[in-house]
Amino acid sequence: MHIFLLLLCMLASTSLTYRVEMDPTTRTTNGKVVGVNMISRKGRKFAAFRGIPYAMPPVGNLRFQEPKEPEKWSHTFFATKDPPKCAQKNYLFGDQMVEGSEDCLYINVYTPEFQPQRSRTKLLPVMVFIHWGGFFTGTSRTDYHGPEYLMDKDVVLVTFNYRLGLLGFFSTYDDASPGNFGLKDQNLALRWVQKNIRYFGGNKSEVTIFGQSAGGASVHYHMLSRSSRGLFQRAISESGNALALWAQPIPGIGSKLLPVQASLVGCGEYILNSSDLVDCMRKVSVETLLQSGDNFKFFSVDPLSVYQPVIEKKTHRNPNPFITRHPLDYIKNGHFQKVPWIVGLASDDGLVRTSGLWSQPEVWKALNSRFDELMPKLMLLEISVPKNEVESTWEKIREFYFPNLGRRNSSEHDIMRGLTDLYSDRAFHYSTYQAVQLHSKMGHEQIRFFNFDYRGEYSYKTVFSGVNDTRSNYSYNSSHCDELIYLFKSNAFFPSLTNPNDQKMIDIMVEMWTNFAIHGDPTYNTNIPKWYPIYNKEKHDGSMKNISYLDISGTYSDARSQSLQMKTGVYNDRLRFWENLSLFENIEILGEKQQKLQR
């Protein structure tokens, strides 16, 4: 009996040893890591290393500080499961609760045909994805951003978490808490890639950073920040840029925000001493800090967040500020990395907010009953025009987007259509247009532009609306985030895509994005129509009305409607309308004299 039990133990031990040895194993500069094997969409085996620490946990005295590199470990680290979300309260979704953890700064690496370093013949290009979420929500979890589609191609994929909301962007505007911690987390993650990606078969000299919404704005910020120079060679910004009102530093907001925030969490007595204030706030629970965000809402869940990037000062105690000037100043002076850059939009980006307004009858009714009172605030007009011009500016906007408002032939559908266009243009489209225009004027040649207008079987519109039905039976166009459905498997929101036209769109999007990362040309050696940079000198005169862009359109229900073609003049009438308004940002960009000449 004893011999039999001994044999069983030996067999089990051998089996366990064999299983562990079969798991992908590599080392990093911090220590040895073990991952798991996964299978791609088309059946390719790839290695997944999830939840590797790239920074020390930003807890205790490290809360409201720039991230610190993690300590080395002598044991084997099992990178086999998703890391927790960074602590957040997601006002975009129906279940608005505090979730996640402060201990969240982890990175994930996915690599095809994984082999021990000594047997690798070629290092692969690297794609680093920065997640969406308005700088207040989001995650790198595989059920949000699954790697199965991209792993059919010869690239290494990296995703990671970064601090969000108050924990990621709280600032006292001095050395006590300089701010931009979420962006500094991203910067440290990119530095981790430079030090470690070769251990996973990736080439640190062929890094493409790409992101959507806040991730797209983050990509743009890394192009501007001196601290991110040389950390990547190509960039993709999807529906997000550093000039977007929700992403850019807001002058003077600190003096209004700080006293309110301090009093909400029981630290009001320390408002005159920023170091004491930060010490006090480090002792407040995450739950209390994030729940305090409810007190800044003036309508429904708006504003979604009051924390975003800030302008820092370089000092002895803050030697590595992320940005020290407004993004406009960086761009206007040509102080940015002129790397090949893909920039794009979804046709109805505004659905990220309007779908939630529409799906809640009481909220929709309240908005319509106070329309002229609420809309100037929701559109942040006080940021763009003097106080005494807010009303007249809103009247112009209302007439343009809601020409039938108050008339007999006006319908709720018309209001929803105008509202979605307005949110799209104000929050995403016009700032993207401005960014592309400015970069191009400063000699940034390799810029490609896209408009995503494909309506698949599923849409993030239903996610943002809070309606418990993922089918996109809706009379509008592509929602904010919809292009991600064809780049990442998203089990948290959608079932597997089985529609043939959706499957084809996965092939198209994955082919273009990985071609860009590998060759610098998204339509390299494909049957996809050639995607030219925004100014094709052979065809256009260089004016903004002739901007070239790739239009990606069609519906899942009609194979013949699926189309990719080069067009010119994206949303010309709507963007020209904004360009001709007397906005502070227009005067900054165009110059007051030039703007008057345009009218």
Foldseek 3Di string as FASTA:
>chain_A
DVVVVVVVVVVVVVVVVVVQVPFDWWAAPQGIETEHWDAAPVGFIKTKQAFAAQFAQCAQVSQLHATHGDHHDYDYHYRYFHFWAQWAQALLFDPGATGTYSRFWGKMKMATPWDALVPDDAFFFEEEEEEAGLQGDDFPHQLAFNQRLLNVDHYMYMYTHFHGACRQAPDLQALLRQGNNRLSSVLSVLVSCLRGVSRRRHDQQQYEYEYFAVRLQSQQLLQQFPSNPPSHFEYEREQYHCQFPSAWAFPPVNVVPQCLLCVQQVNNVCSVPSNSSVNVVSPGDSRSNNVSQCVVDPASCPPVGPGHHHAHDDDPSRPRDGHNDTPLVSLLVVRGHLHQYEYEYEPQQLLSALLQCVLDVVSVVVCVVCVLPCPLVRLVVVRWDPPVCSNVVVVLLCCVLPVQPPHPPDDVVSVSRSSSNSSCCSRGVLSSLLSVVSNVVSPSFNYAYEYEWEAEQFACSCRSNNPPDGGCPDPDTHYRPRLSVLNGNNNVRDDDDDQPLSPVSSVLSSQQVVCCSRPVFSCPPHPAPGGHAQCDPVPDDPDQQFGKHWYAYDYSVDNVRTDTDIDGGPVPVVNVSVLLDNTPVNCSRQNPVRSVVVD
